[in-house]
């Protein structure tokens, strides 16, 4: 990742980590495992997808993460797959 891209994502990491704190314990556990695995190596595309997922209400997000519901959004599918593997 080049320096411009790196500096653009660094401020987002803290916000994204904070927004991963959810009211549902199940989501907290999934996102904690996600951050433990990814660390600070989150690319911009994944950060964009994560930001979009985190804008959802907890129950809607859980339905996607747990596989109870699917999305047709090609940007979200790879991240949801990763989250389901945790």
N, C-alpha and C. Protein backbone atom coordinates (compact mmCIF):
# COMPACT_ATOMS: atom_id res chain seq x y z
N UNK A 1 0.85 -1.17 0.00
CA UNK A 1 0.00 0.00 0.00
C UNK A 1 0.89 1.23 0.00
N UNK A 2 0.58 2.21 -0.84
CA UNK A 2 1.41 3.41 -0.89
C UNK A 2 1.10 4.32 0.30
N UNK A 3 1.94 5.31 0.53
CA UNK A 3 1.83 6.17 1.71
C UNK A 3 0.52 6.95 1.73
N UNK A 4 0.06 7.42 0.57
CA UNK A 4 -1.20 8.18 0.52
C UNK A 4 -2.38 7.30 0.91
N UNK A 5 -2.41 6.09 0.40
CA UNK A 5 -3.50 5.17 0.74
C UNK A 5 -3.43 4.77 2.21
N UNK A 6 -2.21 4.57 2.72
CA UNK A 6 -2.03 4.19 4.11
C UNK A 6 -2.51 5.29 5.05
N UNK A 7 -2.17 6.54 4.73
CA UNK A 7 -2.59 7.64 5.59
C UNK A 7 -4.08 7.87 5.50
N UNK A 8 -4.71 7.49 4.39
CA UNK A 8 -6.15 7.66 4.23
C UNK A 8 -6.91 6.64 5.06
N UNK A 9 -6.35 5.47 5.27
CA UNK A 9 -7.09 4.42 5.99
C UNK A 9 -6.80 4.43 7.50
N UNK A 10 -5.64 4.89 7.93
CA UNK A 10 -5.29 4.86 9.35
C UNK A 10 -6.32 5.53 10.25
N UNK A 11 -6.79 6.74 9.94
CA UNK A 11 -7.81 7.35 10.81
C UNK A 11 -9.12 6.55 10.84
N UNK A 12 -9.38 5.83 9.78
CA UNK A 12 -10.61 5.04 9.72
C UNK A 12 -10.55 3.82 10.62
N UNK A 13 -9.35 3.27 10.83
CA UNK A 13 -9.24 2.04 11.61
C UNK A 13 -9.84 2.20 13.01
N UNK A 14 -9.51 3.27 13.66
CA UNK A 14 -10.05 3.51 15.00
C UNK A 14 -11.57 3.62 15.00
N UNK A 15 -12.10 4.35 14.02
CA UNK A 15 -13.56 4.50 13.91
C UNK A 15 -14.22 3.15 13.62
N UNK A 16 -13.63 2.40 12.70
CA UNK A 16 -14.21 1.11 12.34
C UNK A 16 -14.17 0.14 13.53
N UNK A 17 -13.06 0.12 14.23
CA UNK A 17 -12.97 -0.74 15.42
C UNK A 17 -14.04 -0.35 16.44
N UNK A 18 -14.20 0.94 16.63
CA UNK A 18 -15.19 1.43 17.60
C UNK A 18 -16.60 1.03 17.17
N UNK A 19 -16.91 1.17 15.90
CA UNK A 19 -18.25 0.84 15.40
C UNK A 19 -18.50 -0.67 15.37
N UNK A 20 -17.46 -1.46 15.51
CA UNK A 20 -17.64 -2.91 15.59
C UNK A 20 -18.17 -3.33 16.95
N UNK A 21 -18.15 -2.43 17.91
CA UNK A 21 -18.73 -2.73 19.22
C UNK A 21 -20.24 -2.68 19.07
N UNK A 22 -20.86 -3.81 19.25
CA UNK A 22 -22.29 -3.92 18.99
C UNK A 22 -23.03 -4.35 20.24
N UNK A 23 -24.34 -4.19 20.21
CA UNK A 23 -25.18 -4.60 21.34
C UNK A 23 -25.32 -6.12 21.41
N UNK A 24 -25.20 -6.79 20.28
CA UNK A 24 -25.30 -8.25 20.26
C UNK A 24 -23.93 -8.87 20.54
N UNK A 25 -23.88 -9.69 21.57
CA UNK A 25 -22.62 -10.34 21.94
C UNK A 25 -22.05 -11.15 20.79
N UNK A 26 -22.91 -11.81 20.02
CA UNK A 26 -22.45 -12.62 18.90
C UNK A 26 -21.66 -11.79 17.90
N UNK A 27 -22.15 -10.59 17.62
CA UNK A 27 -21.44 -9.71 16.68
C UNK A 27 -20.12 -9.24 17.28
N UNK A 28 -20.14 -8.90 18.57
CA UNK A 28 -18.89 -8.49 19.23
C UNK A 28 -17.83 -9.58 19.10
N UNK A 29 -18.22 -10.82 19.30
CA UNK A 29 -17.26 -11.92 19.22
C UNK A 29 -16.72 -12.10 17.80
N UNK A 30 -17.60 -12.03 16.83
CA UNK A 30 -17.16 -12.17 15.43
C UNK A 30 -16.20 -11.05 15.07
N UNK A 31 -16.56 -9.82 15.41
CA UNK A 31 -15.69 -8.70 15.04
C UNK A 31 -14.39 -8.69 15.83
N UNK A 32 -14.42 -9.16 17.05
CA UNK A 32 -13.16 -9.25 17.80
C UNK A 32 -12.22 -10.24 17.12
N UNK A 33 -12.74 -11.40 16.71
CA UNK A 33 -11.92 -12.38 15.98
C UNK A 33 -11.42 -11.80 14.67
N UNK A 34 -12.29 -11.04 14.00
CA UNK A 34 -11.90 -10.42 12.74
C UNK A 34 -10.71 -9.49 12.95
N UNK A 35 -10.79 -8.61 13.94
CA UNK A 35 -9.69 -7.67 14.19
C UNK A 35 -8.44 -8.38 14.67
N UNK A 36 -8.60 -9.43 15.46
CA UNK A 36 -7.44 -10.21 15.90
C UNK A 36 -6.71 -10.80 14.70
N UNK A 37 -7.45 -11.22 13.71
CA UNK A 37 -6.85 -11.83 12.52
C UNK A 37 -6.30 -10.78 11.55
N UNK A 38 -7.06 -9.71 11.33
CA UNK A 38 -6.69 -8.70 10.34
C UNK A 38 -5.69 -7.70 10.90
N UNK A 39 -5.82 -7.37 12.16
CA UNK A 39 -4.95 -6.36 12.75
C UNK A 39 -5.12 -5.03 12.06
N UNK A 40 -4.01 -4.39 11.74
CA UNK A 40 -4.06 -3.10 11.05
C UNK A 40 -3.87 -3.26 9.55
N UNK A 41 -3.95 -4.46 9.05
CA UNK A 41 -3.75 -4.73 7.62
C UNK A 41 -5.06 -4.76 6.85
N UNK A 42 -5.88 -3.78 7.08
CA UNK A 42 -7.18 -3.69 6.41
C UNK A 42 -7.02 -2.84 5.16
N UNK A 43 -7.32 -3.43 4.00
CA UNK A 43 -7.19 -2.65 2.77
C UNK A 43 -8.42 -1.74 2.60
N UNK A 44 -8.31 -0.81 1.71
CA UNK A 44 -9.36 0.20 1.53
C UNK A 44 -10.68 -0.42 1.09
N UNK A 45 -10.65 -1.41 0.21
CA UNK A 45 -11.89 -2.04 -0.25
C UNK A 45 -12.61 -2.75 0.90
N UNK A 46 -11.85 -3.44 1.72
CA UNK A 46 -12.45 -4.12 2.87
C UNK A 46 -12.97 -3.11 3.88
N UNK A 47 -12.23 -2.03 4.09
CA UNK A 47 -12.69 -0.98 4.99
C UNK A 47 -13.99 -0.37 4.50
N UNK A 48 -14.10 -0.15 3.19
CA UNK A 48 -15.33 0.39 2.62
C UNK A 48 -16.50 -0.56 2.86
N UNK A 49 -16.27 -1.85 2.61
CA UNK A 49 -17.33 -2.85 2.81
C UNK A 49 -17.71 -2.94 4.28
N UNK A 50 -16.72 -2.92 5.16
CA UNK A 50 -16.98 -2.99 6.59
C UNK A 50 -17.79 -1.79 7.05
N UNK A 51 -17.45 -0.63 6.56
CA UNK A 51 -18.19 0.58 6.91
C UNK A 51 -19.65 0.47 6.50
N UNK A 52 -19.89 -0.08 5.33
CA UNK A 52 -21.26 -0.26 4.86
C UNK A 52 -22.01 -1.27 5.72
N UNK A 53 -21.34 -2.36 6.09
CA UNK A 53 -21.99 -3.35 6.95
C UNK A 53 -22.32 -2.77 8.32
N UNK A 54 -21.40 -1.99 8.86
CA UNK A 54 -21.60 -1.44 10.20
C UNK A 54 -22.69 -0.38 10.25
N UNK A 55 -23.12 0.10 9.12
CA UNK A 55 -24.22 1.06 9.07
C UNK A 55 -25.57 0.37 9.28
N UNK A 56 -25.58 -0.95 9.20
CA UNK A 56 -26.82 -1.71 9.38
C UNK A 56 -27.17 -1.83 10.86
N UNK A 57 -28.43 -2.05 11.13
CA UNK A 57 -28.88 -2.35 12.49
C UNK A 57 -28.32 -3.71 12.90
N UNK A 58 -28.16 -3.92 14.19
CA UNK A 58 -27.54 -5.14 14.68
C UNK A 58 -28.21 -6.42 14.18
N UNK A 59 -29.53 -6.48 14.24
CA UNK A 59 -30.20 -7.72 13.83
C UNK A 59 -30.03 -7.97 12.34
N UNK A 60 -30.12 -6.93 11.52
CA UNK A 60 -29.91 -7.09 10.08
C UNK A 60 -28.48 -7.53 9.80
N UNK A 61 -27.54 -6.93 10.51
CA UNK A 61 -26.14 -7.30 10.35
C UNK A 61 -25.91 -8.75 10.77
N UNK A 62 -26.51 -9.16 11.88
CA UNK A 62 -26.34 -10.53 12.35
C UNK A 62 -26.90 -11.53 11.35
N UNK A 63 -28.04 -11.21 10.75
CA UNK A 63 -28.63 -12.12 9.75
C UNK A 63 -27.67 -12.33 8.58
N UNK A 64 -26.98 -11.28 8.18
CA UNK A 64 -26.01 -11.40 7.08
C UNK A 64 -24.77 -12.17 7.52
N UNK A 65 -24.24 -11.79 8.68
CA UNK A 65 -23.00 -12.42 9.16
C UNK A 65 -23.23 -13.90 9.47
N UNK A 66 -24.38 -14.24 10.01
CA UNK A 66 -24.66 -15.63 10.38
C UNK A 66 -25.08 -16.48 9.18
N UNK A 67 -25.36 -15.85 8.05
CA UNK A 67 -25.76 -16.60 6.86
C UNK A 67 -27.25 -16.83 6.77
N UNK A 68 -28.02 -16.28 7.68
CA UNK A 68 -29.48 -16.42 7.61
C UNK A 68 -30.05 -15.66 6.42
N UNK A 69 -29.38 -14.60 6.04
CA UNK A 69 -29.76 -13.83 4.85
C UNK A 69 -28.52 -13.65 3.98
N UNK A 70 -28.75 -13.43 2.72
CA UNK A 70 -27.68 -13.21 1.76
C UNK A 70 -27.82 -11.81 1.18
N UNK A 71 -26.75 -11.35 0.59
CA UNK A 71 -26.77 -10.06 -0.10
C UNK A 71 -26.39 -10.27 -1.55
N UNK A 72 -26.95 -9.44 -2.39
CA UNK A 72 -26.59 -9.47 -3.81
C UNK A 72 -25.45 -8.50 -4.10
N UNK A 73 -25.02 -7.77 -3.08
CA UNK A 73 -23.99 -6.75 -3.24
C UNK A 73 -22.61 -7.41 -3.37
N UNK A 74 -21.99 -7.33 -4.55
CA UNK A 74 -20.70 -7.99 -4.74
C UNK A 74 -19.58 -7.40 -3.88
N UNK A 75 -19.71 -6.17 -3.43
CA UNK A 75 -18.68 -5.57 -2.58
C UNK A 75 -18.72 -6.17 -1.16
N UNK A 76 -19.89 -6.56 -0.71
CA UNK A 76 -20.03 -7.07 0.65
C UNK A 76 -19.79 -8.58 0.76
N UNK A 77 -19.98 -9.30 -0.31
CA UNK A 77 -19.90 -10.76 -0.27
C UNK A 77 -18.55 -11.29 0.22
N UNK A 78 -17.41 -10.78 -0.26
CA UNK A 78 -16.13 -11.32 0.24
C UNK A 78 -15.93 -11.09 1.74
N UNK A 79 -16.33 -9.94 2.24
CA UNK A 79 -16.18 -9.65 3.66
C UNK A 79 -17.11 -10.54 4.48
N UNK A 80 -18.33 -10.71 4.03
CA UNK A 80 -19.24 -11.58 4.75
C UNK A 80 -18.71 -13.02 4.78
N UNK A 81 -18.14 -13.47 3.69
CA UNK A 81 -17.53 -14.80 3.67
C UNK A 81 -16.42 -14.91 4.73
N UNK A 82 -15.57 -13.90 4.79
CA UNK A 82 -14.48 -13.90 5.79
C UNK A 82 -15.03 -13.92 7.20
N UNK A 83 -16.05 -13.10 7.46
CA UNK A 83 -16.63 -13.04 8.79
C UNK A 83 -17.27 -14.38 9.17
N UNK A 84 -17.88 -15.04 8.22
CA UNK A 84 -18.53 -16.33 8.50
C UNK A 84 -17.50 -17.41 8.78
N UNK A 85 -16.30 -17.28 8.27
CA UNK A 85 -15.26 -18.28 8.49
C UNK A 85 -14.64 -18.18 9.89
N UNK A 86 -14.88 -17.09 10.57
CA UNK A 86 -14.30 -16.91 11.90
C UNK A 86 -15.12 -17.66 12.89
